[in-house]
Amino acid sequence: MLSLGASITAAARNGAAVRVVTVFAGDSTSTSAAGRWDALSGFVSEGEAARARAGEDDNACRIVGAEPVRLPFPDRQYPVERDAAEIRRAVVEALTGSEVVLIPGYPLRHEDHLWLARLLLDGEPLGARLALYAEQPYAAQTKAAPTAMLTSEARWITLSAAPTDQVVKLRACRAYRSQIEPLGGLRAMLGVLAYEAGRGGESIAWLDS
C-alpha cells in the first residue's frame, strides 16, 4: 500500500479489478515463536502475526477498493527451506487472468522482495504485461530517483494521482497498524508522500517499452 496505494485507488475508482497478492503472508495456524520482525511488531507467534496482518490487509484493501490475495508462505524471519517451483506456481495461479502485473523493482533492500522479483523475472513469462515498482518506504529513504536494478531495460516513470487518492492511500496505510510503527510510523509515511510529491507520483517501470 505504501508503494502503490494511490494508483490502486485510482484504478479501482475507474473500474479496474485490482488484486493485491501477498506471497509471504505466513501460516495463520502456526504456533512457532514469532520471528524477529513479528516480535518487534508485538506478536508472540507466527500464527498470531499472520492472522493480525491478514485482518489489517483486508481493511486496507477495502479502503482502496482492491481484492486481497494471500499465500501461506513464511518470510525470511522463519527458517524454512523454500520450494521456488511451488511458490512460483502458486503466484502464477494467483495472477490468473491479470492483464498487468507489478513486482518489486527498486531499491530491493528487502530480502524477500529481491528473492521474489528474481523468481518472477526468471523462467516462463507470466502471461501479463510486467512492470516494476518503487518499494516504499525504502525508495524514499534513498532520496534518489529509481534506477535499474535487475534489468537495464527498465525505464522509470511516475503515475500521477489526485490529492484525494493520496488521502485514501494514507488511510489504507494506517490500517497496517502493526507494521507501520516498526517501519517508522507517521514520519515514514510522510517521508513517502514527500518523496512522491517531489517526483510527481508513485514510480513504476514498464519492462516492454
N, C-alpha and C. Protein backbone atom coordinates (compact mmCIF):
# COMPACT_ATOMS: atom_id res chain seq x y z
N MET A 1 0.82 -1.21 0.00
CA MET A 1 0.00 0.00 0.00
C MET A 1 0.86 1.26 0.00
N LEU A 2 1.95 1.22 0.77
CA LEU A 2 2.86 2.37 0.77
C LEU A 2 3.43 2.64 -0.60
N SER A 3 3.59 1.58 -1.40
CA SER A 3 4.22 1.75 -2.71
C SER A 3 3.26 2.20 -3.79
N LEU A 4 2.03 1.67 -3.79
CA LEU A 4 1.12 1.89 -4.92
C LEU A 4 -0.31 2.22 -4.51
N GLY A 5 -0.51 2.60 -3.25
CA GLY A 5 -1.88 2.81 -2.77
C GLY A 5 -2.69 3.82 -3.55
N ALA A 6 -2.07 4.92 -3.95
CA ALA A 6 -2.81 5.95 -4.70
C ALA A 6 -3.19 5.45 -6.09
N SER A 7 -2.26 4.77 -6.75
CA SER A 7 -2.54 4.24 -8.09
C SER A 7 -3.60 3.15 -8.04
N ILE A 8 -3.56 2.31 -7.01
CA ILE A 8 -4.59 1.29 -6.85
C ILE A 8 -5.95 1.94 -6.66
N THR A 9 -5.99 2.96 -5.83
CA THR A 9 -7.24 3.68 -5.58
C THR A 9 -7.81 4.25 -6.88
N ALA A 10 -6.94 4.89 -7.66
CA ALA A 10 -7.39 5.50 -8.92
C ALA A 10 -7.86 4.43 -9.90
N ALA A 11 -7.13 3.33 -10.00
CA ALA A 11 -7.50 2.26 -10.94
C ALA A 11 -8.85 1.64 -10.55
N ALA A 12 -9.02 1.37 -9.25
CA ALA A 12 -10.28 0.78 -8.80
C ALA A 12 -11.44 1.74 -9.02
N ARG A 13 -11.22 3.02 -8.77
CA ARG A 13 -12.28 4.01 -8.97
C ARG A 13 -12.70 4.08 -10.44
N ASN A 14 -11.75 3.81 -11.32
CA ASN A 14 -12.04 3.85 -12.76
C ASN A 14 -12.52 2.52 -13.32
N GLY A 15 -12.80 1.56 -12.43
CA GLY A 15 -13.43 0.32 -12.86
C GLY A 15 -12.51 -0.88 -13.01
N ALA A 16 -11.23 -0.73 -12.74
CA ALA A 16 -10.30 -1.85 -12.86
C ALA A 16 -10.46 -2.80 -11.67
N ALA A 17 -10.31 -4.09 -11.93
CA ALA A 17 -10.29 -5.08 -10.85
C ALA A 17 -8.83 -5.26 -10.42
N VAL A 18 -8.53 -4.89 -9.20
CA VAL A 18 -7.15 -4.90 -8.70
C VAL A 18 -7.01 -5.95 -7.61
N ARG A 19 -5.99 -6.79 -7.75
CA ARG A 19 -5.66 -7.76 -6.72
C ARG A 19 -4.33 -7.39 -6.07
N VAL A 20 -4.28 -7.44 -4.76
CA VAL A 20 -3.04 -7.24 -4.03
C VAL A 20 -2.61 -8.60 -3.50
N VAL A 21 -1.56 -9.16 -4.09
CA VAL A 21 -1.11 -10.51 -3.74
C VAL A 21 0.05 -10.43 -2.76
N THR A 22 -0.16 -10.99 -1.58
CA THR A 22 0.91 -11.08 -0.58
C THR A 22 1.43 -12.51 -0.61
N VAL A 23 2.63 -12.68 -1.09
CA VAL A 23 3.18 -14.03 -1.28
C VAL A 23 3.61 -14.64 0.05
N PHE A 24 4.26 -13.85 0.89
CA PHE A 24 4.77 -14.37 2.15
C PHE A 24 3.88 -13.90 3.31
N ALA A 25 2.62 -14.35 3.26
CA ALA A 25 1.66 -13.93 4.27
C ALA A 25 1.77 -14.73 5.56
N GLY A 26 2.49 -15.85 5.52
CA GLY A 26 2.69 -16.65 6.72
C GLY A 26 1.59 -17.66 6.97
N ASP A 27 1.86 -18.58 7.89
CA ASP A 27 0.93 -19.65 8.24
C ASP A 27 0.10 -19.22 9.44
N SER A 28 -1.17 -18.99 9.22
CA SER A 28 -2.05 -18.49 10.29
C SER A 28 -2.31 -19.54 11.37
N THR A 29 -1.98 -20.80 11.10
CA THR A 29 -2.20 -21.86 12.09
C THR A 29 -0.95 -22.18 12.91
N SER A 30 0.17 -21.54 12.56
CA SER A 30 1.44 -21.88 13.20
C SER A 30 1.49 -21.41 14.66
N THR A 31 2.09 -22.24 15.48
CA THR A 31 2.33 -21.87 16.88
C THR A 31 3.81 -21.60 17.14
N SER A 32 4.61 -21.54 16.07
CA SER A 32 6.03 -21.25 16.22
C SER A 32 6.23 -19.86 16.81
N ALA A 33 7.29 -19.72 17.59
CA ALA A 33 7.59 -18.43 18.20
C ALA A 33 7.76 -17.37 17.12
N ALA A 34 7.31 -16.17 17.41
CA ALA A 34 7.40 -15.08 16.44
C ALA A 34 8.85 -14.83 16.03
N GLY A 35 9.05 -14.56 14.74
CA GLY A 35 10.36 -14.19 14.26
C GLY A 35 10.72 -12.78 14.70
N ARG A 36 11.91 -12.34 14.32
CA ARG A 36 12.42 -11.06 14.79
C ARG A 36 11.47 -9.91 14.47
N TRP A 37 11.01 -9.81 13.22
CA TRP A 37 10.14 -8.70 12.83
C TRP A 37 8.78 -8.80 13.50
N ASP A 38 8.21 -10.01 13.53
CA ASP A 38 6.90 -10.18 14.14
C ASP A 38 6.94 -9.89 15.63
N ALA A 39 8.03 -10.28 16.27
CA ALA A 39 8.17 -9.97 17.70
C ALA A 39 8.27 -8.46 17.91
N LEU A 40 9.02 -7.79 17.02
CA LEU A 40 9.14 -6.34 17.08
C LEU A 40 7.78 -5.68 16.89
N SER A 41 6.92 -6.33 16.13
CA SER A 41 5.58 -5.79 15.86
C SER A 41 4.60 -6.11 16.98
N GLY A 42 5.06 -6.84 18.00
CA GLY A 42 4.23 -7.09 19.17
C GLY A 42 3.55 -8.44 19.24
N PHE A 43 3.95 -9.38 18.37
CA PHE A 43 3.29 -10.68 18.33
C PHE A 43 4.12 -11.75 19.05
N VAL A 44 3.41 -12.78 19.50
CA VAL A 44 4.05 -13.87 20.25
C VAL A 44 4.38 -15.04 19.34
N SER A 45 3.54 -15.30 18.35
CA SER A 45 3.73 -16.45 17.47
C SER A 45 3.58 -16.06 16.01
N GLU A 46 4.06 -16.94 15.13
CA GLU A 46 3.91 -16.72 13.69
C GLU A 46 2.44 -16.66 13.31
N GLY A 47 1.63 -17.57 13.88
CA GLY A 47 0.21 -17.61 13.56
C GLY A 47 -0.52 -16.35 13.98
N GLU A 48 -0.21 -15.86 15.18
CA GLU A 48 -0.84 -14.63 15.66
C GLU A 48 -0.53 -13.47 14.72
N ALA A 49 0.73 -13.38 14.31
CA ALA A 49 1.14 -12.31 13.40
C ALA A 49 0.43 -12.43 12.06
N ALA A 50 0.36 -13.65 11.51
CA ALA A 50 -0.28 -13.86 10.21
C ALA A 50 -1.76 -13.49 10.26
N ARG A 51 -2.43 -13.86 11.34
CA ARG A 51 -3.87 -13.56 11.45
C ARG A 51 -4.11 -12.06 11.59
N ALA A 52 -3.31 -11.41 12.41
CA ALA A 52 -3.48 -9.96 12.60
C ALA A 52 -3.18 -9.20 11.32
N ARG A 53 -2.12 -9.59 10.64
CA ARG A 53 -1.75 -8.90 9.41
C ARG A 53 -2.78 -9.13 8.31
N ALA A 54 -3.40 -10.32 8.32
CA ALA A 54 -4.47 -10.59 7.35
C ALA A 54 -5.66 -9.66 7.58
N GLY A 55 -6.00 -9.44 8.83
CA GLY A 55 -7.08 -8.52 9.14
C GLY A 55 -6.76 -7.11 8.70
N GLU A 56 -5.53 -6.68 8.96
CA GLU A 56 -5.10 -5.35 8.52
C GLU A 56 -5.13 -5.24 6.99
N ASP A 57 -4.70 -6.30 6.33
CA ASP A 57 -4.68 -6.32 4.87
C ASP A 57 -6.09 -6.22 4.31
N ASP A 58 -7.02 -6.96 4.91
CA ASP A 58 -8.42 -6.88 4.47
C ASP A 58 -8.95 -5.45 4.58
N ASN A 59 -8.66 -4.81 5.70
CA ASN A 59 -9.14 -3.43 5.91
C ASN A 59 -8.52 -2.47 4.90
N ALA A 60 -7.21 -2.59 4.70
CA ALA A 60 -6.53 -1.68 3.77
C ALA A 60 -7.04 -1.86 2.35
N CYS A 61 -7.21 -3.10 1.93
CA CYS A 61 -7.69 -3.36 0.56
C CYS A 61 -9.11 -2.88 0.38
N ARG A 62 -9.91 -2.99 1.43
CA ARG A 62 -11.28 -2.48 1.35
C ARG A 62 -11.29 -0.97 1.15
N ILE A 63 -10.38 -0.29 1.79
CA ILE A 63 -10.30 1.17 1.68
C ILE A 63 -9.96 1.61 0.26
N VAL A 64 -9.02 0.91 -0.39
CA VAL A 64 -8.60 1.32 -1.74
C VAL A 64 -9.41 0.65 -2.84
N GLY A 65 -10.24 -0.33 -2.49
CA GLY A 65 -11.08 -0.99 -3.50
C GLY A 65 -10.42 -2.15 -4.20
N ALA A 66 -9.48 -2.81 -3.52
CA ALA A 66 -8.76 -3.94 -4.12
C ALA A 66 -9.17 -5.25 -3.46
N GLU A 67 -8.87 -6.35 -4.14
CA GLU A 67 -9.11 -7.69 -3.60
C GLU A 67 -7.82 -8.23 -2.99
N PRO A 68 -7.82 -8.60 -1.72
CA PRO A 68 -6.61 -9.16 -1.13
C PRO A 68 -6.47 -10.65 -1.45
N VAL A 69 -5.28 -11.07 -1.82
CA VAL A 69 -4.96 -12.48 -2.05
C VAL A 69 -3.70 -12.78 -1.25
N ARG A 70 -3.78 -13.77 -0.38
CA ARG A 70 -2.63 -14.09 0.47
C ARG A 70 -2.21 -15.54 0.28
N LEU A 71 -0.91 -15.75 0.13
CA LEU A 71 -0.36 -17.09 0.01
C LEU A 71 0.36 -17.43 1.31
N PRO A 72 0.25 -18.67 1.79
CA PRO A 72 0.68 -19.01 3.16
C PRO A 72 2.15 -19.36 3.31
N PHE A 73 3.02 -18.69 2.56
CA PHE A 73 4.44 -18.98 2.66
C PHE A 73 5.09 -18.07 3.71
N PRO A 74 6.00 -18.61 4.51
CA PRO A 74 6.68 -17.79 5.53
C PRO A 74 7.75 -16.91 4.92
N ASP A 75 7.98 -15.77 5.52
CA ASP A 75 9.07 -14.91 5.04
C ASP A 75 10.39 -15.33 5.69
N ARG A 76 11.44 -14.58 5.42
CA ARG A 76 12.79 -15.00 5.80
C ARG A 76 13.05 -15.00 7.30
N GLN A 77 12.16 -14.43 8.08
CA GLN A 77 12.40 -14.45 9.53
C GLN A 77 12.16 -15.85 10.12
N TYR A 78 11.55 -16.74 9.29
CA TYR A 78 11.31 -18.11 9.73
C TYR A 78 12.18 -19.06 8.91
N PRO A 79 13.01 -19.88 9.57
CA PRO A 79 14.00 -20.72 8.88
C PRO A 79 13.39 -21.96 8.24
N VAL A 80 12.63 -21.75 7.17
CA VAL A 80 12.01 -22.85 6.44
C VAL A 80 12.59 -22.87 5.03
N GLU A 81 12.98 -24.05 4.57
CA GLU A 81 13.53 -24.16 3.21
C GLU A 81 12.44 -23.88 2.18
N ARG A 82 12.73 -23.02 1.24
CA ARG A 82 11.74 -22.64 0.24
C ARG A 82 11.80 -23.55 -0.98
N ASP A 83 10.62 -23.85 -1.50
CA ASP A 83 10.50 -24.57 -2.76
C ASP A 83 10.14 -23.52 -3.82
N ALA A 84 11.14 -23.08 -4.56
CA ALA A 84 10.93 -21.99 -5.52
C ALA A 84 9.87 -22.35 -6.56
N ALA A 85 9.88 -23.60 -7.03
CA ALA A 85 8.92 -24.02 -8.05
C ALA A 85 7.49 -23.97 -7.50
N GLU A 86 7.31 -24.41 -6.25
CA GLU A 86 5.98 -24.39 -5.64
C GLU A 86 5.48 -22.96 -5.47
N ILE A 87 6.36 -22.09 -5.02
CA ILE A 87 5.96 -20.69 -4.81
C ILE A 87 5.62 -20.04 -6.14
N ARG A 88 6.43 -20.31 -7.16
CA ARG A 88 6.15 -19.70 -8.47
C ARG A 88 4.80 -20.19 -9.02
N ARG A 89 4.52 -21.47 -8.86
CA ARG A 89 3.22 -22.00 -9.33
C ARG A 89 2.07 -21.32 -8.60
N ALA A 90 2.21 -21.14 -7.29
CA ALA A 90 1.14 -20.51 -6.52
C ALA A 90 0.94 -19.06 -6.93
N VAL A 91 2.03 -18.37 -7.20
CA VAL A 91 1.93 -16.97 -7.63
C VAL A 91 1.27 -16.89 -9.00
N VAL A 92 1.70 -17.74 -9.92
CA VAL A 92 1.11 -17.73 -11.27
C VAL A 92 -0.39 -18.00 -11.20
N GLU A 93 -0.79 -18.94 -10.34
CA GLU A 93 -2.22 -19.24 -10.18
C GLU A 93 -2.96 -18.03 -9.62
N ALA A 94 -2.35 -17.35 -8.65
CA ALA A 94 -2.98 -16.18 -8.05
C ALA A 94 -3.13 -15.05 -9.06
N LEU A 95 -2.27 -15.03 -10.07
CA LEU A 95 -2.28 -13.96 -11.07
C LEU A 95 -3.10 -14.30 -12.31
N THR A 96 -3.74 -15.47 -12.31
CA THR A 96 -4.51 -15.90 -13.47
C THR A 96 -5.52 -14.84 -13.90
N GLY A 97 -5.50 -14.51 -15.18
CA GLY A 97 -6.44 -13.53 -15.71
C GLY A 97 -5.96 -12.10 -15.62
N SER A 98 -4.83 -11.87 -14.99
CA SER A 98 -4.32 -10.49 -14.85
C SER A 98 -3.76 -9.99 -16.17
N GLU A 99 -4.05 -8.76 -16.50
CA GLU A 99 -3.50 -8.14 -17.71
C GLU A 99 -2.19 -7.43 -17.42
N VAL A 100 -2.05 -6.93 -16.20
CA VAL A 100 -0.85 -6.20 -15.79
C VAL A 100 -0.40 -6.74 -14.44
N VAL A 101 0.90 -6.98 -14.29
CA VAL A 101 1.46 -7.44 -13.02
C VAL A 101 2.61 -6.51 -12.64
N LEU A 102 2.55 -5.99 -11.43
CA LEU A 102 3.63 -5.13 -10.92
C LEU A 102 4.38 -5.87 -9.83
N ILE A 103 5.71 -5.88 -9.92
CA ILE A 103 6.54 -6.60 -8.97
C ILE A 103 7.60 -5.65 -8.41
N PRO A 104 8.14 -5.97 -7.24
CA PRO A 104 9.15 -5.09 -6.63
C PRO A 104 10.33 -4.86 -7.57
N GLY A 105 10.82 -3.60 -7.61
CA GLY A 105 11.90 -3.31 -8.55
C GLY A 105 13.00 -2.40 -8.05
N TYR A 106 12.73 -1.60 -7.00
CA TYR A 106 13.75 -0.67 -6.51
C TYR A 106 13.38 -0.19 -5.13
N PRO A 107 14.31 -0.13 -4.18
CA PRO A 107 15.74 -0.45 -4.28
C PRO A 107 16.08 -1.89 -3.91
N LEU A 108 15.04 -2.72 -3.66
CA LEU A 108 15.21 -4.15 -3.36
C LEU A 108 16.11 -4.38 -2.15
N ARG A 109 15.92 -3.56 -1.13
CA ARG A 109 16.64 -3.76 0.13
C ARG A 109 16.06 -4.90 0.95
N HIS A 110 14.77 -5.17 0.74
CA HIS A 110 14.11 -6.23 1.49
C HIS A 110 14.45 -7.57 0.84
N GLU A 111 15.00 -8.47 1.63
CA GLU A 111 15.48 -9.76 1.11
C GLU A 111 14.38 -10.55 0.41
N ASP A 112 13.18 -10.55 0.99
CA ASP A 112 12.09 -11.30 0.37
C ASP A 112 11.65 -10.69 -0.96
N HIS A 113 11.67 -9.38 -1.04
CA HIS A 113 11.28 -8.71 -2.28
C HIS A 113 12.27 -9.02 -3.40
N LEU A 114 13.56 -9.01 -3.07
CA LEU A 114 14.58 -9.32 -4.06
C LEU A 114 14.44 -10.76 -4.54
N TRP A 115 14.24 -11.68 -3.61
CA TRP A 115 14.09 -13.10 -3.96
C TRP A 115 12.90 -13.30 -4.88
N LEU A 116 11.76 -12.67 -4.52
CA LEU A 116 10.55 -12.83 -5.31
C LEU A 116 10.69 -12.21 -6.69
N ALA A 117 11.29 -11.03 -6.78
CA ALA A 117 11.46 -10.37 -8.07
C ALA A 117 12.29 -11.24 -9.00
N ARG A 118 13.37 -11.79 -8.50
CA ARG A 118 14.20 -12.66 -9.33
C ARG A 118 13.43 -13.91 -9.76
N LEU A 119 12.65 -14.47 -8.86
CA LEU A 119 11.87 -15.66 -9.18
C LEU A 119 10.89 -15.39 -10.32
N LEU A 120 10.22 -14.24 -10.27
CA LEU A 120 9.19 -13.95 -11.25
C LEU A 120 9.75 -13.48 -12.59
N LEU A 121 10.93 -12.89 -12.57
CA LEU A 121 11.52 -12.43 -13.82
C LEU A 121 12.24 -13.54 -14.57
N ASP A 122 12.60 -14.59 -13.84
CA ASP A 122 13.25 -15.73 -14.47
C ASP A 122 12.20 -16.74 -14.92
N GLY A 123 12.56 -17.59 -15.85
CA GLY A 123 11.67 -18.66 -16.27
C GLY A 123 10.62 -18.21 -17.26
N GLU A 124 9.53 -18.97 -17.31
CA GLU A 124 8.47 -18.72 -18.28
C GLU A 124 7.78 -17.38 -18.03
N PRO A 125 7.37 -16.70 -19.11
CA PRO A 125 6.64 -15.44 -18.94
C PRO A 125 5.36 -15.65 -18.14
N LEU A 126 4.93 -14.61 -17.46
CA LEU A 126 3.75 -14.71 -16.61
C LEU A 126 2.44 -14.53 -17.37
N GLY A 127 2.53 -14.19 -18.64
CA GLY A 127 1.32 -14.04 -19.44
C GLY A 127 0.61 -12.73 -19.22
N ALA A 128 1.32 -11.73 -18.73
CA ALA A 128 0.73 -10.41 -18.49
C ALA A 128 1.80 -9.36 -18.76
N ARG A 129 1.37 -8.14 -18.96
CA ARG A 129 2.32 -7.05 -19.11
C ARG A 129 2.96 -6.78 -17.76
N LEU A 130 4.30 -6.68 -17.73
CA LEU A 130 5.03 -6.57 -16.48
C LEU A 130 5.58 -5.17 -16.26
N ALA A 131 5.55 -4.77 -15.00
CA ALA A 131 6.18 -3.52 -14.60
C ALA A 131 6.81 -3.71 -13.23
N LEU A 132 7.85 -2.96 -12.97
CA LEU A 132 8.47 -2.89 -11.65
C LEU A 132 7.86 -1.71 -10.90
N TYR A 133 7.94 -1.76 -9.58
CA TYR A 133 7.50 -0.59 -8.82
C TYR A 133 8.54 -0.23 -7.76
N ALA A 134 8.58 1.05 -7.44
CA ALA A 134 9.48 1.53 -6.39
C ALA A 134 8.89 1.18 -5.03
N GLU A 135 9.64 0.43 -4.24
CA GLU A 135 9.15 -0.05 -2.94
C GLU A 135 9.30 1.04 -1.89
N GLN A 136 8.25 1.19 -1.14
CA GLN A 136 8.27 2.17 -0.05
C GLN A 136 8.18 1.47 1.31
N PRO A 137 8.79 2.01 2.35
CA PRO A 137 9.44 3.32 2.43
C PRO A 137 10.89 3.34 1.99
N TYR A 138 11.37 2.22 1.43
CA TYR A 138 12.79 2.08 1.12
C TYR A 138 13.26 3.06 0.04
N ALA A 139 12.43 3.25 -1.00
CA ALA A 139 12.82 4.19 -2.06
C ALA A 139 12.94 5.60 -1.51
N ALA A 140 11.99 5.99 -0.66
CA ALA A 140 12.04 7.33 -0.08
C ALA A 140 13.29 7.52 0.77
N GLN A 141 13.73 6.47 1.42
CA GLN A 141 14.91 6.55 2.27
C GLN A 141 16.19 6.77 1.46
N THR A 142 16.18 6.36 0.19
CA THR A 142 17.36 6.58 -0.65
C THR A 142 17.47 8.05 -1.08
N LYS A 143 16.32 8.74 -1.09
CA LYS A 143 16.24 10.15 -1.52
C LYS A 143 16.73 10.32 -2.96
N ALA A 144 16.62 9.26 -3.76
CA ALA A 144 17.09 9.29 -5.15
C ALA A 144 16.01 8.73 -6.06
N ALA A 145 16.09 9.08 -7.33
CA ALA A 145 15.17 8.54 -8.31
C ALA A 145 15.46 7.06 -8.52
N PRO A 146 14.42 6.25 -8.79
CA PRO A 146 14.65 4.83 -9.04
C PRO A 146 15.59 4.60 -10.22
N THR A 147 16.41 3.58 -10.11
CA THR A 147 17.34 3.23 -11.17
C THR A 147 17.23 1.74 -11.45
N ALA A 148 17.90 1.30 -12.52
CA ALA A 148 17.88 -0.11 -12.90
C ALA A 148 18.54 -0.95 -11.82
N MET A 149 17.90 -2.06 -11.47
CA MET A 149 18.46 -2.99 -10.51
C MET A 149 18.60 -4.37 -11.13
N LEU A 150 17.48 -4.99 -11.46
CA LEU A 150 17.51 -6.35 -12.00
C LEU A 150 17.63 -6.38 -13.52
N THR A 151 17.27 -5.29 -14.17
CA THR A 151 17.33 -5.26 -15.62
C THR A 151 17.60 -3.84 -16.10
N SER A 152 18.44 -3.72 -17.11
CA SER A 152 18.76 -2.41 -17.66
C SER A 152 17.65 -1.91 -18.58
N GLU A 153 16.66 -2.78 -18.86
CA GLU A 153 15.58 -2.41 -19.76
C GLU A 153 14.55 -1.49 -19.10
N ALA A 154 14.60 -1.41 -17.79
CA ALA A 154 13.59 -0.64 -17.07
C ALA A 154 13.75 0.85 -17.32
N ARG A 155 12.65 1.52 -17.63
CA ARG A 155 12.61 2.96 -17.80
C ARG A 155 11.54 3.51 -16.87
N TRP A 156 11.97 4.22 -15.84
CA TRP A 156 11.07 4.61 -14.78
C TRP A 156 10.22 5.83 -15.16
N ILE A 157 8.93 5.76 -14.78
CA ILE A 157 8.01 6.86 -14.97
C ILE A 157 7.23 7.07 -13.66
N THR A 158 6.51 8.16 -13.57
CA THR A 158 5.66 8.39 -12.40
C THR A 158 4.20 8.34 -12.81
N LEU A 159 3.37 7.90 -11.89
CA LEU A 159 1.94 7.79 -12.10
C LEU A 159 1.26 8.90 -11.30
N SER A 160 0.68 9.84 -11.98
CA SER A 160 0.03 10.94 -11.28
C SER A 160 -1.25 10.45 -10.62
N ALA A 161 -1.58 11.06 -9.49
CA ALA A 161 -2.79 10.69 -8.76
C ALA A 161 -3.41 11.95 -8.18
N ALA A 162 -4.71 11.92 -8.05
CA ALA A 162 -5.42 13.05 -7.47
C ALA A 162 -5.10 13.16 -5.98
N PRO A 163 -5.14 14.35 -5.43
CA PRO A 163 -4.91 14.50 -3.99
C PRO A 163 -5.81 13.61 -3.14
N THR A 164 -7.04 13.40 -3.60
CA THR A 164 -7.95 12.54 -2.86
C THR A 164 -7.46 11.09 -2.84
N ASP A 165 -6.79 10.67 -3.93
CA ASP A 165 -6.22 9.32 -3.96
C ASP A 165 -5.09 9.18 -2.95
N GLN A 166 -4.32 10.23 -2.78
CA GLN A 166 -3.24 10.21 -1.79
C GLN A 166 -3.81 10.13 -0.37
N VAL A 167 -4.93 10.80 -0.15
CA VAL A 167 -5.57 10.75 1.17
C VAL A 167 -6.06 9.33 1.45
N VAL A 168 -6.65 8.69 0.44
CA VAL A 168 -7.11 7.32 0.60
C VAL A 168 -5.93 6.39 0.87
N LYS A 169 -4.84 6.61 0.15
CA LYS A 169 -3.63 5.82 0.37
C LYS A 169 -3.17 5.93 1.82
N LEU A 170 -3.14 7.13 2.33
CA LEU A 170 -2.70 7.34 3.71
C LEU A 170 -3.60 6.59 4.68
N ARG A 171 -4.91 6.64 4.45
CA ARG A 171 -5.84 5.90 5.31
C ARG A 171 -5.58 4.41 5.24
N ALA A 172 -5.34 3.90 4.04
CA ALA A 172 -5.10 2.46 3.88
C ALA A 172 -3.81 2.04 4.56
N CYS A 173 -2.78 2.85 4.43
CA CYS A 173 -1.51 2.53 5.07
C CYS A 173 -1.65 2.47 6.58
N ARG A 174 -2.44 3.36 7.12
CA ARG A 174 -2.63 3.39 8.57
C ARG A 174 -3.37 2.16 9.07
N ALA A 175 -4.05 1.43 8.15
CA ALA A 175 -4.74 0.20 8.54
C ALA A 175 -3.74 -0.88 8.96
N TYR A 176 -2.51 -0.78 8.46
CA TYR A 176 -1.48 -1.75 8.82
C TYR A 176 -0.81 -1.32 10.12
N ARG A 177 -1.58 -1.31 11.18
CA ARG A 177 -1.12 -0.75 12.46
C ARG A 177 0.14 -1.45 12.97
N SER A 178 0.18 -2.75 12.88
CA SER A 178 1.31 -3.49 13.44
C SER A 178 2.59 -3.30 12.65
N GLN A 179 2.47 -2.90 11.39
CA GLN A 179 3.64 -2.80 10.52
C GLN A 179 4.17 -1.38 10.39
N ILE A 180 3.28 -0.41 10.45
CA ILE A 180 3.68 0.97 10.23
C ILE A 180 4.64 1.47 11.31
N GLU A 181 4.35 1.15 12.56
CA GLU A 181 5.21 1.65 13.63
C GLU A 181 6.65 1.15 13.53
N PRO A 182 6.88 -0.15 13.34
CA PRO A 182 8.26 -0.62 13.18
C PRO A 182 8.96 -0.04 11.95
N LEU A 183 8.18 0.35 10.93
CA LEU A 183 8.77 0.94 9.73
C LEU A 183 9.13 2.42 9.91
N GLY A 184 8.67 3.00 11.00
CA GLY A 184 8.97 4.41 11.24
C GLY A 184 7.76 5.27 11.53
N GLY A 185 6.58 4.65 11.56
CA GLY A 185 5.37 5.37 11.94
C GLY A 185 5.00 6.50 10.99
N LEU A 186 4.38 7.53 11.55
CA LEU A 186 3.90 8.65 10.75
C LEU A 186 5.04 9.33 10.00
N ARG A 187 6.21 9.40 10.61
CA ARG A 187 7.34 10.03 9.93
C ARG A 187 7.68 9.31 8.64
N ALA A 188 7.63 7.98 8.65
CA ALA A 188 7.92 7.20 7.44
C ALA A 188 6.87 7.46 6.37
N MET A 189 5.60 7.48 6.77
CA MET A 189 4.54 7.71 5.79
C MET A 189 4.65 9.11 5.18
N LEU A 190 4.93 10.10 6.01
CA LEU A 190 5.09 11.45 5.48
C LEU A 190 6.31 11.54 4.57
N GLY A 191 7.35 10.79 4.90
CA GLY A 191 8.53 10.76 4.04
C GLY A 191 8.21 10.20 2.67
N VAL A 192 7.38 9.16 2.64
CA VAL A 192 6.95 8.59 1.36
C VAL A 192 6.15 9.60 0.55
N LEU A 193 5.20 10.26 1.20
CA LEU A 193 4.38 11.25 0.49
C LEU A 193 5.22 12.41 -0.02
N ALA A 194 6.20 12.84 0.76
CA ALA A 194 7.08 13.93 0.32
C ALA A 194 7.93 13.50 -0.87
N TYR A 195 8.45 12.29 -0.83
CA TYR A 195 9.25 11.74 -1.93
C TYR A 195 8.43 11.70 -3.21
N GLU A 196 7.20 11.19 -3.09
CA GLU A 196 6.35 11.08 -4.28
C GLU A 196 5.89 12.44 -4.78
N ALA A 197 5.66 13.37 -3.87
CA ALA A 197 5.29 14.72 -4.29
C ALA A 197 6.42 15.36 -5.08
N GLY A 198 7.65 15.13 -4.65
CA GLY A 198 8.79 15.69 -5.36
C GLY A 198 9.02 15.09 -6.72
N ARG A 199 8.57 13.83 -6.90
CA ARG A 199 8.75 13.15 -8.18
C ARG A 199 7.51 13.21 -9.06
N GLY A 200 6.37 13.62 -8.49
CA GLY A 200 5.16 13.72 -9.28
C GLY A 200 4.24 12.52 -9.16
N GLY A 201 4.56 11.59 -8.28
CA GLY A 201 3.69 10.43 -8.09
C GLY A 201 4.45 9.18 -7.74
N GLU A 202 3.74 8.07 -7.68
CA GLU A 202 4.36 6.77 -7.44
C GLU A 202 5.13 6.34 -8.69
N SER A 203 6.18 5.56 -8.51
CA SER A 203 7.08 5.24 -9.61
C SER A 203 6.97 3.78 -10.04
N ILE A 204 6.88 3.58 -11.37
CA ILE A 204 6.93 2.24 -11.94
C ILE A 204 7.82 2.25 -13.17
N ALA A 205 8.16 1.07 -13.65
CA ALA A 205 8.95 0.94 -14.88
C ALA A 205 8.40 -0.22 -15.70
N TRP A 206 7.85 0.07 -16.87
CA TRP A 206 7.38 -0.98 -17.76
C TRP A 206 8.58 -1.74 -18.31
N LEU A 207 8.43 -3.05 -18.46
CA LEU A 207 9.53 -3.87 -18.93
C LEU A 207 9.43 -4.19 -20.43
N ASP A 208 8.40 -3.66 -21.09
CA ASP A 208 8.26 -3.93 -22.53
C ASP A 208 8.27 -2.65 -23.33
N SER A 209 8.86 -1.60 -22.80
CA SER A 209 8.88 -0.33 -23.54
C SER A 209 10.23 0.34 -23.37
